[in-house]
Amino acid sequence: MVSGVVILNGTYDRKKYVKRIMWFVFILAFWNLIYYFWDAFHMNYEYNVFKDIFTVFFVPIKVQLWFMYPLIGLYIAAPFIQKMVHGMDRKLENLFMMLWLFFVGAVSFVSLFN
């Protein structure tokens, strides 16, 4: 909660947010690949490569990585939340709602195949 207050009270720097999001996506992809290959080669789990590559963006390979998905979502939403805290105009509200509906729909659509 303290880090959220610091992020929301600071000034918005697009490059900083994009850099953080890309870093967390890289870390998530790196550890998912490590766990994927560990399970596939050492634990002899059977994986469907094409299905698993698609679902790894929405479902963690291992339970330990659960927090990365909401964290990336929060960093994506942080500029909008920051604007809401400091006063948002109608155009940004509409953009926020469209993005929110898109991602909720995308996750729901992907979950149909699991």
PDB file of N, CA and C in Angstrom:
ATOM      1  N   MET A   1       0.823  -1.184   0.000  1.00  0.00           N
ATOM      2  CA  MET A   1       0.000   0.000   0.000  1.00  0.00           C
ATOM      3  C   MET A   1       0.870   1.252   0.000  1.00  0.00           C
ATOM      4  N   VAL A   2       2.003   1.191   0.677  1.00  0.00           N
ATOM      5  CA  VAL A   2       2.887   2.350   0.711  1.00  0.00           C
ATOM      6  C   VAL A   2       3.446   2.632  -0.675  1.00  0.00           C
ATOM      7  N   SER A   3       3.858   1.588  -1.396  1.00  0.00           N
ATOM      8  CA  SER A   3       4.385   1.809  -2.746  1.00  0.00           C
ATOM      9  C   SER A   3       3.305   2.333  -3.681  1.00  0.00           C
ATOM     10  N   GLY A   4       2.061   1.922  -3.473  1.00  0.00           N
ATOM     11  CA  GLY A   4       0.966   2.443  -4.280  1.00  0.00           C
ATOM     12  C   GLY A   4       0.749   3.925  -4.060  1.00  0.00           C
ATOM     13  N   VAL A   5       0.869   4.357  -2.823  1.00  0.00           N
ATOM     14  CA  VAL A   5       0.733   5.783  -2.518  1.00  0.00           C
ATOM     15  C   VAL A   5       1.860   6.566  -3.170  1.00  0.00           C
ATOM     16  N   VAL A   6       3.067   6.018  -3.138  1.00  0.00           N
ATOM     17  CA  VAL A   6       4.207   6.704  -3.743  1.00  0.00           C
ATOM     18  C   VAL A   6       4.036   6.807  -5.251  1.00  0.00           C
ATOM     19  N   ILE A   7       3.583   5.717  -5.886  1.00  0.00           N
ATOM     20  CA  ILE A   7       3.392   5.728  -7.337  1.00  0.00           C
ATOM     21  C   ILE A   7       2.275   6.681  -7.735  1.00  0.00           C
ATOM     22  N   LEU A   8       1.170   6.663  -7.013  1.00  0.00           N
ATOM     23  CA  LEU A   8       0.023   7.489  -7.385  1.00  0.00           C
ATOM     24  C   LEU A   8       0.234   8.960  -7.091  1.00  0.00           C
ATOM     25  N   ASN A   9       1.062   9.287  -6.110  1.00  0.00           N
ATOM     26  CA  ASN A   9       1.305  10.695  -5.798  1.00  0.00           C
ATOM     27  C   ASN A   9       2.415  11.304  -6.643  1.00  0.00           C
ATOM     28  N   GLY A  10       3.209  10.480  -7.305  1.00  0.00           N
ATOM     29  CA  GLY A  10       4.294  11.001  -8.128  1.00  0.00           C
ATOM     30  C   GLY A  10       3.790  11.544  -9.453  1.00  0.00           C
ATOM     31  N   THR A  11       4.717  12.038 -10.236  1.00  0.00           N
ATOM     32  CA  THR A  11       4.355  12.512 -11.563  1.00  0.00           C
ATOM     33  C   THR A  11       4.428  11.358 -12.550  1.00  0.00           C
ATOM     34  N   TYR A  12       3.610  11.426 -13.562  1.00  0.00           N
ATOM     35  CA  TYR A  12       3.543  10.361 -14.559  1.00  0.00           C
ATOM     36  C   TYR A  12       4.702  10.489 -15.534  1.00  0.00           C
ATOM     37  N   ASP A  13       5.482   9.430 -15.636  1.00  0.00           N
ATOM     38  CA  ASP A  13       6.576   9.375 -16.599  1.00  0.00           C
ATOM     39  C   ASP A  13       6.361   8.134 -17.455  1.00  0.00           C
ATOM     40  N   ARG A  14       5.927   8.357 -18.693  1.00  0.00           N
ATOM     41  CA  ARG A  14       5.566   7.246 -19.582  1.00  0.00           C
ATOM     42  C   ARG A  14       6.715   6.268 -19.772  1.00  0.00           C
ATOM     43  N   LYS A  15       7.914   6.767 -19.990  1.00  0.00           N
ATOM     44  CA  LYS A  15       9.067   5.894 -20.217  1.00  0.00           C
ATOM     45  C   LYS A  15       9.350   5.022 -19.006  1.00  0.00           C
ATOM     46  N   LYS A  16       9.168   5.569 -17.818  1.00  0.00           N
ATOM     47  CA  LYS A  16       9.405   4.810 -16.599  1.00  0.00           C
ATOM     48  C   LYS A  16       8.408   3.656 -16.469  1.00  0.00           C
ATOM     49  N   TYR A  17       7.118   3.943 -16.743  1.00  0.00           N
ATOM     50  CA  TYR A  17       6.100   2.901 -16.656  1.00  0.00           C
ATOM     51  C   TYR A  17       6.316   1.821 -17.704  1.00  0.00           C
ATOM     52  N   VAL A  18       6.616   2.219 -18.933  1.00  0.00           N
ATOM     53  CA  VAL A  18       6.844   1.237 -20.002  1.00  0.00           C
ATOM     54  C   VAL A  18       8.060   0.385 -19.670  1.00  0.00           C
ATOM     55  N   LYS A  19       9.099   1.001 -19.149  1.00  0.00           N
ATOM     56  CA  LYS A  19      10.303   0.264 -18.773  1.00  0.00           C
ATOM     57  C   LYS A  19      10.001  -0.744 -17.667  1.00  0.00           C
ATOM     58  N   ARG A  20       9.229  -0.340 -16.665  1.00  0.00           N
ATOM     59  CA  ARG A  20       8.863  -1.259 -15.581  1.00  0.00           C
ATOM     60  C   ARG A  20       7.997  -2.404 -16.082  1.00  0.00           C
ATOM     61  N   ILE A  21       7.021  -2.086 -16.908  1.00  0.00           N
ATOM     62  CA  ILE A  21       6.142  -3.135 -17.435  1.00  0.00           C
ATOM     63  C   ILE A  21       6.937  -4.124 -18.266  1.00  0.00           C
ATOM     64  N   MET A  22       7.796  -3.632 -19.140  1.00  0.00           N
ATOM     65  CA  MET A  22       8.601  -4.529 -19.970  1.00  0.00           C
ATOM     66  C   MET A  22       9.545  -5.375 -19.114  1.00  0.00           C
ATOM     67  N   TRP A  23      10.090  -4.809 -18.050  1.00  0.00           N
ATOM     68  CA  TRP A  23      10.961  -5.561 -17.157  1.00  0.00           C
ATOM     69  C   TRP A  23      10.191  -6.696 -16.488  1.00  0.00           C
ATOM     70  N   PHE A  24       8.990  -6.406 -15.974  1.00  0.00           N
ATOM     71  CA  PHE A  24       8.201  -7.442 -15.323  1.00  0.00           C
ATOM     72  C   PHE A  24       7.734  -8.504 -16.313  1.00  0.00           C
ATOM     73  N   VAL A  25       7.402  -8.102 -17.536  1.00  0.00           N
ATOM     74  CA  VAL A  25       7.028  -9.087 -18.564  1.00  0.00           C
ATOM     75  C   VAL A  25       8.224  -9.977 -18.895  1.00  0.00           C
ATOM     76  N   PHE A  26       9.420  -9.386 -18.982  1.00  0.00           N
ATOM     77  CA  PHE A  26      10.625 -10.170 -19.232  1.00  0.00           C
ATOM     78  C   PHE A  26      10.880 -11.166 -18.100  1.00  0.00           C
ATOM     79  N   ILE A  27      10.791 -10.707 -16.864  1.00  0.00           N
ATOM     80  CA  ILE A  27      11.004 -11.586 -15.711  1.00  0.00           C
ATOM     81  C   ILE A  27       9.973 -12.710 -15.711  1.00  0.00           C
ATOM     82  N   LEU A  28       8.715 -12.386 -15.973  1.00  0.00           N
ATOM     83  CA  LEU A  28       7.664 -13.395 -16.017  1.00  0.00           C
ATOM     84  C   LEU A  28       7.929 -14.421 -17.114  1.00  0.00           C
ATOM     85  N   ALA A  29       8.280 -13.953 -18.301  1.00  0.00           N
ATOM     86  CA  ALA A  29       8.569 -14.872 -19.406  1.00  0.00           C
ATOM     87  C   ALA A  29       9.787 -15.730 -19.094  1.00  0.00           C
ATOM     88  N   PHE A  30      10.821 -15.139 -18.517  1.00  0.00           N
ATOM     89  CA  PHE A  30      12.035 -15.876 -18.183  1.00  0.00           C
ATOM     90  C   PHE A  30      11.732 -17.013 -17.205  1.00  0.00           C
ATOM     91  N   TRP A  31      11.054 -16.703 -16.109  1.00  0.00           N
ATOM     92  CA  TRP A  31      10.787 -17.742 -15.117  1.00  0.00           C
ATOM     93  C   TRP A  31       9.767 -18.754 -15.608  1.00  0.00           C
ATOM     94  N   ASN A  32       8.797 -18.342 -16.410  1.00  0.00           N
ATOM     95  CA  ASN A  32       7.873 -19.314 -16.990  1.00  0.00           C
ATOM     96  C   ASN A  32       8.611 -20.279 -17.908  1.00  0.00           C
ATOM     97  N   LEU A  33       9.561 -19.776 -18.690  1.00  0.00           N
ATOM     98  CA  LEU A  33      10.349 -20.669 -19.549  1.00  0.00           C
ATOM     99  C   LEU A  33      11.210 -21.625 -18.731  1.00  0.00           C
ATOM    100  N   ILE A  34      11.829 -21.112 -17.678  1.00  0.00           N
ATOM    101  CA  ILE A  34      12.636 -21.978 -16.814  1.00  0.00           C
ATOM    102  C   ILE A  34      11.771 -23.090 -16.244  1.00  0.00           C
ATOM    103  N   TYR A  35      10.630 -22.755 -15.665  1.00  0.00           N
ATOM    104  CA  TYR A  35       9.734 -23.763 -15.094  1.00  0.00           C
ATOM    105  C   TYR A  35       9.174 -24.691 -16.170  1.00  0.00           C
ATOM    106  N   TYR A  36       8.881 -24.150 -17.323  1.00  0.00           N
ATOM    107  CA  TYR A  36       8.353 -24.967 -18.415  1.00  0.00           C
ATOM    108  C   TYR A  36       9.357 -26.043 -18.820  1.00  0.00           C
ATOM    109  N   PHE A  37      10.602 -25.626 -19.057  1.00  0.00           N
ATOM    110  CA  PHE A  37      11.622 -26.601 -19.457  1.00  0.00           C
ATOM    111  C   PHE A  37      11.960 -27.551 -18.321  1.00  0.00           C
ATOM    112  N   TRP A  38      11.945 -27.084 -17.095  1.00  0.00           N
ATOM    113  CA  TRP A  38      12.192 -27.957 -15.950  1.00  0.00           C
ATOM    114  C   TRP A  38      11.118 -29.046 -15.881  1.00  0.00           C
ATOM    115  N   ASP A  39       9.862 -28.631 -15.994  1.00  0.00           N
ATOM    116  CA  ASP A  39       8.775 -29.607 -15.951  1.00  0.00           C
ATOM    117  C   ASP A  39       8.816 -30.545 -17.142  1.00  0.00           C
ATOM    118  N   ALA A  40       9.124 -30.019 -18.314  1.00  0.00           N
ATOM    119  CA  ALA A  40       9.089 -30.840 -19.525  1.00  0.00           C
ATOM    120  C   ALA A  40      10.228 -31.860 -19.553  1.00  0.00           C
ATOM    121  N   PHE A  41      11.426 -31.449 -19.190  1.00  0.00           N
ATOM    122  CA  PHE A  41      12.569 -32.338 -19.339  1.00  0.00           C
ATOM    123  C   PHE A  41      12.944 -33.080 -18.063  1.00  0.00           C
ATOM    124  N   HIS A  42      12.828 -32.454 -16.931  1.00  0.00           N
ATOM    125  CA  HIS A  42      13.232 -33.110 -15.695  1.00  0.00           C
ATOM    126  C   HIS A  42      12.083 -33.886 -15.055  1.00  0.00           C
ATOM    127  N   MET A  43      10.899 -33.300 -15.041  1.00  0.00           N
ATOM    128  CA  MET A  43       9.752 -33.943 -14.396  1.00  0.00           C
ATOM    129  C   MET A  43       8.941 -34.791 -15.378  1.00  0.00           C
ATOM    130  N   ASN A  44       9.283 -34.729 -16.665  1.00  0.00           N
ATOM    131  CA  ASN A  44       8.640 -35.516 -17.722  1.00  0.00           C
ATOM    132  C   ASN A  44       7.137 -35.256 -17.836  1.00  0.00           C
ATOM    133  N   TYR A  45       6.732 -33.999 -17.664  1.00  0.00           N
ATOM    134  CA  TYR A  45       5.343 -33.641 -17.899  1.00  0.00           C
ATOM    135  C   TYR A  45       5.131 -33.481 -19.391  1.00  0.00           C
ATOM    136  N   GLU A  46       3.954 -33.859 -19.837  1.00  0.00           N
ATOM    137  CA  GLU A  46       3.593 -33.707 -21.238  1.00  0.00           C
ATOM    138  C   GLU A  46       2.917 -32.354 -21.430  1.00  0.00           C
ATOM    139  N   TYR A  47       3.447 -31.580 -22.328  1.00  0.00           N
ATOM    140  CA  TYR A  47       2.875 -30.272 -22.645  1.00  0.00           C
ATOM    141  C   TYR A  47       2.556 -30.212 -24.121  1.00  0.00           C
ATOM    142  N   ASN A  48       1.492 -29.476 -24.445  1.00  0.00           N
ATOM    143  CA  ASN A  48       1.167 -29.147 -25.814  1.00  0.00           C
ATOM    144  C   ASN A  48       1.766 -27.762 -26.072  1.00  0.00           C
ATOM    145  N   VAL A  49       2.832 -27.702 -26.844  1.00  0.00           N
ATOM    146  CA  VAL A  49       3.629 -26.482 -26.983  1.00  0.00           C
ATOM    147  C   VAL A  49       2.794 -25.317 -27.496  1.00  0.00           C
ATOM    148  N   PHE A  50       1.993 -25.516 -28.509  1.00  0.00           N
ATOM    149  CA  PHE A  50       1.241 -24.408 -29.099  1.00  0.00           C
ATOM    150  C   PHE A  50       0.174 -23.877 -28.139  1.00  0.00           C
ATOM    151  N   LYS A  51      -0.513 -24.766 -27.456  1.00  0.00           N
ATOM    152  CA  LYS A  51      -1.526 -24.333 -26.490  1.00  0.00           C
ATOM    153  C   LYS A  51      -0.869 -23.673 -25.281  1.00  0.00           C
ATOM    154  N   ASP A  52       0.230 -24.236 -24.806  1.00  0.00           N
ATOM    155  CA  ASP A  52       0.881 -23.715 -23.609  1.00  0.00           C
ATOM    156  C   ASP A  52       1.545 -22.370 -23.848  1.00  0.00           C
ATOM    157  N   ILE A  53       2.095 -22.147 -25.016  1.00  0.00           N
ATOM    158  CA  ILE A  53       2.714 -20.853 -25.317  1.00  0.00           C
ATOM    159  C   ILE A  53       1.665 -19.748 -25.258  1.00  0.00           C
ATOM    160  N   PHE A  54       0.454 -20.033 -25.702  1.00  0.00           N
ATOM    161  CA  PHE A  54      -0.615 -19.035 -25.688  1.00  0.00           C
ATOM    162  C   PHE A  54      -1.145 -18.794 -24.279  1.00  0.00           C
ATOM    163  N   THR A  55      -1.347 -19.869 -23.522  1.00  0.00           N
ATOM    164  CA  THR A  55      -1.937 -19.721 -22.194  1.00  0.00           C
ATOM    165  C   THR A  55      -0.954 -19.250 -21.139  1.00  0.00           C
ATOM    166  N   VAL A  56       0.344 -19.334 -21.409  1.00  0.00           N
ATOM    167  CA  VAL A  56       1.331 -18.908 -20.409  1.00  0.00           C
ATOM    168  C   VAL A  56       1.226 -17.412 -20.131  1.00  0.00           C
ATOM    169  N   PHE A  57       0.634 -16.653 -21.040  1.00  0.00           N
ATOM    170  CA  PHE A  57       0.455 -15.225 -20.814  1.00  0.00           C
ATOM    171  C   PHE A  57      -0.688 -14.931 -19.856  1.00  0.00           C
ATOM    172  N   PHE A  58      -1.549 -15.913 -19.612  1.00  0.00           N
ATOM    173  CA  PHE A  58      -2.709 -15.698 -18.754  1.00  0.00           C
ATOM    174  C   PHE A  58      -2.721 -16.583 -17.517  1.00  0.00           C
ATOM    175  N   VAL A  59      -2.020 -17.715 -17.569  1.00  0.00           N
ATOM    176  CA  VAL A  59      -2.011 -18.659 -16.459  1.00  0.00           C
ATOM    177  C   VAL A  59      -0.565 -19.008 -16.138  1.00  0.00           C
ATOM    178  N   PRO A  60      -0.156 -18.864 -14.878  1.00  0.00           N
ATOM    179  CA  PRO A  60       1.238 -19.178 -14.556  1.00  0.00           C
ATOM    180  C   PRO A  60       1.536 -20.670 -14.669  1.00  0.00           C
ATOM    181  N   ILE A  61       2.762 -20.992 -15.080  1.00  0.00           N
ATOM    182  CA  ILE A  61       3.211 -22.380 -15.130  1.00  0.00           C
ATOM    183  C   ILE A  61       3.261 -22.950 -13.718  1.00  0.00           C
ATOM    184  N   LYS A  62       3.787 -22.183 -12.799  1.00  0.00           N
ATOM    185  CA  LYS A  62       3.868 -22.570 -11.389  1.00  0.00           C
ATOM    186  C   LYS A  62       3.097 -21.563 -10.547  1.00  0.00           C
ATOM    187  N   VAL A  63       2.591 -22.039  -9.433  1.00  0.00           N
ATOM    188  CA  VAL A  63       1.765 -21.211  -8.565  1.00  0.00           C
ATOM    189  C   VAL A  63       2.553 -20.038  -7.980  1.00  0.00           C
ATOM    190  N   GLN A  64       3.865 -20.183  -7.846  1.00  0.00           N
ATOM    191  CA  GLN A  64       4.677 -19.129  -7.243  1.00  0.00           C
ATOM    192  C   GLN A  64       4.628 -17.826  -8.025  1.00  0.00           C
ATOM    193  N   LEU A  65       4.277 -17.882  -9.285  1.00  0.00           N
ATOM    194  CA  LEU A  65       4.292 -16.688 -10.128  1.00  0.00           C
ATOM    195  C   LEU A  65       2.939 -15.983 -10.204  1.00  0.00           C
ATOM    196  N   TRP A  66       2.008 -16.330  -9.342  1.00  0.00           N
ATOM    197  CA  TRP A  66       0.657 -15.772  -9.424  1.00  0.00           C
ATOM    198  C   TRP A  66       0.654 -14.261  -9.300  1.00  0.00           C
ATOM    199  N   PHE A  67       1.545 -13.701  -8.494  1.00  0.00           N
ATOM    200  CA  PHE A  67       1.514 -12.276  -8.203  1.00  0.00           C
ATOM    201  C   PHE A  67       1.992 -11.430  -9.372  1.00  0.00           C
ATOM    202  N   MET A  68       2.720 -12.020 -10.315  1.00  0.00           N
ATOM    203  CA  MET A  68       3.244 -11.235 -11.432  1.00  0.00           C
ATOM    204  C   MET A  68       2.131 -10.739 -12.352  1.00  0.00           C
ATOM    205  N   TYR A  69       1.100 -11.536 -12.548  1.00  0.00           N
ATOM    206  CA  TYR A  69       0.011 -11.151 -13.442  1.00  0.00           C
ATOM    207  C   TYR A  69      -0.763  -9.943 -12.907  1.00  0.00           C
ATOM    208  N   PRO A  70      -1.196  -9.946 -11.636  1.00  0.00           N
ATOM    209  CA  PRO A  70      -1.846  -8.722 -11.136  1.00  0.00           C
ATOM    210  C   PRO A  70      -0.897  -7.534 -11.058  1.00  0.00           C
ATOM    211  N   LEU A  71       0.383  -7.790 -10.781  1.00  0.00           N
ATOM    212  CA  LEU A  71       1.352  -6.702 -10.694  1.00  0.00           C
ATOM    213  C   LEU A  71       1.513  -5.998 -12.040  1.00  0.00           C
ATOM    214  N   ILE A  72       1.605  -6.770 -13.103  1.00  0.00           N
ATOM    215  CA  ILE A  72       1.707  -6.178 -14.443  1.00  0.00           C
ATOM    216  C   ILE A  72       0.423  -5.416 -14.773  1.00  0.00           C
ATOM    217  N   GLY A  73      -0.716  -5.986 -14.417  1.00  0.00           N
ATOM    218  CA  GLY A  73      -1.986  -5.290 -14.632  1.00  0.00           C
ATOM    219  C   GLY A  73      -2.076  -3.985 -13.865  1.00  0.00           C
ATOM    220  N   LEU A  74      -1.579  -3.983 -12.641  1.00  0.00           N
ATOM    221  CA  LEU A  74      -1.592  -2.750 -11.854  1.00  0.00           C
ATOM    222  C   LEU A  74      -0.671  -1.695 -12.442  1.00  0.00           C
ATOM    223  N   TYR A  75       0.485  -2.117 -12.950  1.00  0.00           N
ATOM    224  CA  TYR A  75       1.378  -1.141 -13.572  1.00  0.00           C
ATOM    225  C   TYR A  75       0.792  -0.605 -14.879  1.00  0.00           C
ATOM    226  N   ILE A  76       0.040  -1.429 -15.598  1.00  0.00           N
ATOM    227  CA  ILE A  76      -0.631  -0.931 -16.802  1.00  0.00           C
ATOM    228  C   ILE A  76      -1.725   0.068 -16.423  1.00  0.00           C
ATOM    229  N   ALA A  77      -2.451  -0.217 -15.360  1.00  0.00           N
ATOM    230  CA  ALA A  77      -3.551   0.652 -14.941  1.00  0.00           C
ATOM    231  C   ALA A  77      -3.098   1.835 -14.102  1.00  0.00           C
ATOM    232  N   ALA A  78      -1.860   1.847 -13.620  1.00  0.00           N
ATOM    233  CA  ALA A  78      -1.388   2.909 -12.713  1.00  0.00           C
ATOM    234  C   ALA A  78      -1.546   4.319 -13.271  1.00  0.00           C
ATOM    235  N   PRO A  79      -1.222   4.579 -14.548  1.00  0.00           N
ATOM    236  CA  PRO A  79      -1.433   5.950 -15.045  1.00  0.00           C
ATOM    237  C   PRO A  79      -2.902   6.377 -15.024  1.00  0.00           C
ATOM    238  N   PHE A  80      -3.804   5.447 -15.317  1.00  0.00           N
ATOM    239  CA  PHE A  80      -5.234   5.773 -15.289  1.00  0.00           C
ATOM    240  C   PHE A  80      -5.697   6.015 -13.858  1.00  0.00           C
ATOM    241  N   ILE A  81      -5.236   5.164 -12.948  1.00  0.00           N
ATOM    242  CA  ILE A  81      -5.603   5.336 -11.546  1.00  0.00           C
ATOM    243  C   ILE A  81      -5.036   6.646 -11.018  1.00  0.00           C
ATOM    244  N   GLN A  82      -3.805   6.955 -11.437  1.00  0.00           N
ATOM    245  CA  GLN A  82      -3.186   8.213 -11.027  1.00  0.00           C
ATOM    246  C   GLN A  82      -3.996   9.402 -11.540  1.00  0.00           C
ATOM    247  N   LYS A  83      -4.462   9.321 -12.769  1.00  0.00           N
ATOM    248  CA  LYS A  83      -5.301  10.390 -13.322  1.00  0.00           C
ATOM    249  C   LYS A  83      -6.634  10.474 -12.589  1.00  0.00           C
ATOM    250  N   MET A  84      -7.196   9.309 -12.215  1.00  0.00           N
ATOM    251  CA  MET A  84      -8.446   9.325 -11.466  1.00  0.00           C
ATOM    252  C   MET A  84      -8.251   9.993 -10.116  1.00  0.00           C
ATOM    253  N   VAL A  85      -7.110   9.737  -9.518  1.00  0.00           N
ATOM    254  CA  VAL A  85      -6.833  10.350  -8.228  1.00  0.00           C
ATOM    255  C   VAL A  85      -6.722  11.862  -8.388  1.00  0.00           C
ATOM    256  N   HIS A  86      -6.107  12.312  -9.470  1.00  0.00           N
ATOM    257  CA  HIS A  86      -5.877  13.746  -9.670  1.00  0.00           C
ATOM    258  C   HIS A  86      -6.925  14.408 -10.553  1.00  0.00           C
ATOM    259  N   GLY A  87      -7.940  13.686 -10.968  1.00  0.00           N
ATOM    260  CA  GLY A  87      -8.999  14.258 -11.792  1.00  0.00           C
ATOM    261  C   GLY A  87      -8.882  13.812 -13.233  1.00  0.00           C
ATOM    262  N   MET A  88      -9.856  13.075 -13.701  1.00  0.00           N
ATOM    263  CA  MET A  88      -9.819  12.499 -15.041  1.00  0.00           C
ATOM    264  C   MET A  88     -10.890  13.152 -15.901  1.00  0.00           C
ATOM    265  N   ASP A  89     -10.541  13.426 -17.158  1.00  0.00           N
ATOM    266  CA  ASP A  89     -11.544  13.968 -18.069  1.00  0.00           C
ATOM    267  C   ASP A  89     -12.306  12.809 -18.736  1.00  0.00           C
ATOM    268  N   ARG A  90     -13.330  13.146 -19.467  1.00  0.00           N
ATOM    269  CA  ARG A  90     -14.229  12.149 -20.059  1.00  0.00           C
ATOM    270  C   ARG A  90     -13.512  11.256 -21.072  1.00  0.00           C
ATOM    271  N   LYS A  91     -12.590  11.806 -21.844  1.00  0.00           N
ATOM    272  CA  LYS A  91     -11.869  11.040 -22.864  1.00  0.00           C
ATOM    273  C   LYS A  91     -11.030   9.933 -22.222  1.00  0.00           C
ATOM    274  N   LEU A  92     -10.351  10.236 -21.122  1.00  0.00           N
ATOM    275  CA  LEU A  92      -9.550   9.231 -20.440  1.00  0.00           C
ATOM    276  C   LEU A  92     -10.420   8.185 -19.756  1.00  0.00           C
ATOM    277  N   GLU A  93     -11.563   8.586 -19.234  1.00  0.00           N
ATOM    278  CA  GLU A  93     -12.489   7.616 -18.643  1.00  0.00           C
ATOM    279  C   GLU A  93     -12.937   6.600 -19.690  1.00  0.00           C
ATOM    280  N   ASN A  94     -13.275   7.088 -20.883  1.00  0.00           N
ATOM    281  CA  ASN A  94     -13.706   6.192 -21.954  1.00  0.00           C
ATOM    282  C   ASN A  94     -12.583   5.250 -22.379  1.00  0.00           C
ATOM    283  N   LEU A  95     -11.372   5.762 -22.487  1.00  0.00           N
ATOM    284  CA  LEU A  95     -10.231   4.921 -22.838  1.00  0.00           C
ATOM    285  C   LEU A  95      -9.996   3.858 -21.777  1.00  0.00           C
ATOM    286  N   PHE A  96     -10.058   4.238 -20.516  1.00  0.00           N
ATOM    287  CA  PHE A  96      -9.883   3.287 -19.418  1.00  0.00           C
ATOM    288  C   PHE A  96     -10.940   2.194 -19.478  1.00  0.00           C
ATOM    289  N   MET A  97     -12.183   2.563 -19.689  1.00  0.00           N
ATOM    290  CA  MET A  97     -13.262   1.571 -19.743  1.00  0.00           C
ATOM    291  C   MET A  97     -13.109   0.641 -20.948  1.00  0.00           C
ATOM    292  N   MET A  98     -12.694   1.172 -22.089  1.00  0.00           N
ATOM    293  CA  MET A  98     -12.496   0.320 -23.269  1.00  0.00           C
ATOM    294  C   MET A  98     -11.368  -0.676 -23.032  1.00  0.00           C
ATOM    295  N   LEU A  99     -10.261  -0.214 -22.470  1.00  0.00           N
ATOM    296  CA  LEU A  99      -9.150  -1.118 -22.179  1.00  0.00           C
ATOM    297  C   LEU A  99      -9.547  -2.166 -21.148  1.00  0.00           C
ATOM    298  N   TRP A 100     -10.263  -1.754 -20.115  1.00  0.00           N
ATOM    299  CA  TRP A 100     -10.699  -2.676 -19.086  1.00  0.00           C
ATOM    300  C   TRP A 100     -11.619  -3.745 -19.675  1.00  0.00           C
ATOM    301  N   LEU A 101     -12.583  -3.336 -20.470  1.00  0.00           N
ATOM    302  CA  LEU A 101     -13.492  -4.298 -21.098  1.00  0.00           C
ATOM    303  C   LEU A 101     -12.766  -5.214 -22.066  1.00  0.00           C
ATOM    304  N   PHE A 102     -11.797  -4.684 -22.801  1.00  0.00           N
ATOM    305  CA  PHE A 102     -11.024  -5.512 -23.727  1.00  0.00           C
ATOM    306  C   PHE A 102     -10.265  -6.607 -22.976  1.00  0.00           C
ATOM    307  N   PHE A 103      -9.556  -6.235 -21.928  1.00  0.00           N
ATOM    308  CA  PHE A 103      -8.759  -7.220 -21.207  1.00  0.00           C
ATOM    309  C   PHE A 103      -9.618  -8.224 -20.441  1.00  0.00           C
ATOM    310  N   VAL A 104     -10.738  -7.779 -19.890  1.00  0.00           N
ATOM    311  CA  VAL A 104     -11.654  -8.717 -19.229  1.00  0.00           C
ATOM    312  C   VAL A 104     -12.211  -9.692 -20.262  1.00  0.00           C
ATOM    313  N   GLY A 105     -12.574  -9.192 -21.428  1.00  0.00           N
ATOM    314  CA  GLY A 105     -13.076 -10.059 -22.493  1.00  0.00           C
ATOM    315  C   GLY A 105     -12.014 -11.014 -23.007  1.00  0.00           C
ATOM    316  N   ALA A 106     -10.781 -10.538 -23.143  1.00  0.00           N
ATOM    317  CA  ALA A 106      -9.696 -11.394 -23.630  1.00  0.00           C
ATOM    318  C   ALA A 106      -9.411 -12.525 -22.653  1.00  0.00           C
ATOM    319  N   VAL A 107      -9.379 -12.215 -21.373  1.00  0.00           N
ATOM    320  CA  VAL A 107      -9.124 -13.256 -20.370  1.00  0.00           C
ATOM    321  C   VAL A 107     -10.283 -14.247 -20.344  1.00  0.00           C
ATOM    322  N   SER A 108     -11.488 -13.751 -20.443  1.00  0.00           N
ATOM    323  CA  SER A 108     -12.654 -14.655 -20.466  1.00  0.00           C
ATOM    324  C   SER A 108     -12.630 -15.541 -21.707  1.00  0.00           C
ATOM    325  N   PHE A 109     -12.252 -14.981 -22.841  1.00  0.00           N
ATOM    326  CA  PHE A 109     -12.187 -15.759 -24.074  1.00  0.00           C
ATOM    327  C   PHE A 109     -11.122 -16.843 -23.987  1.00  0.00           C
ATOM    328  N   VAL A 110      -9.969 -16.509 -23.456  1.00  0.00           N
ATOM    329  CA  VAL A 110      -8.886 -17.486 -23.327  1.00  0.00           C
ATOM    330  C   VAL A 110      -9.253 -18.570 -22.329  1.00  0.00           C
ATOM    331  N   SER A 111      -9.961 -18.202 -21.280  1.00  0.00           N
ATOM    332  CA  SER A 111     -10.332 -19.203 -20.273  1.00  0.00           C
ATOM    333  C   SER A 111     -11.328 -20.230 -20.816  1.00  0.00           C
ATOM    334  N   LEU A 112     -12.003 -19.908 -21.912  1.00  0.00           N
ATOM    335  CA  LEU A 112     -12.912 -20.893 -22.521  1.00  0.00           C
ATOM    336  C   LEU A 112     -12.150 -22.101 -23.077  1.00  0.00           C
ATOM    337  N   PHE A 113     -10.892 -21.922 -23.438  1.00  0.00           N
ATOM    338  CA  PHE A 113     -10.109 -22.997 -24.044  1.00  0.00           C
ATOM    339  C   PHE A 113      -9.341 -23.820 -23.020  1.00  0.00           C
ATOM    340  N   ASN A 114      -9.421 -23.457 -21.751  1.00  0.00           N
ATOM    341  CA  ASN A 114      -8.701 -24.223 -20.722  1.00  0.00           C
ATOM    342  C   ASN A 114      -9.582 -25.244 -20.081  1.00  0.00           C
TER     343      ASN A 114
END
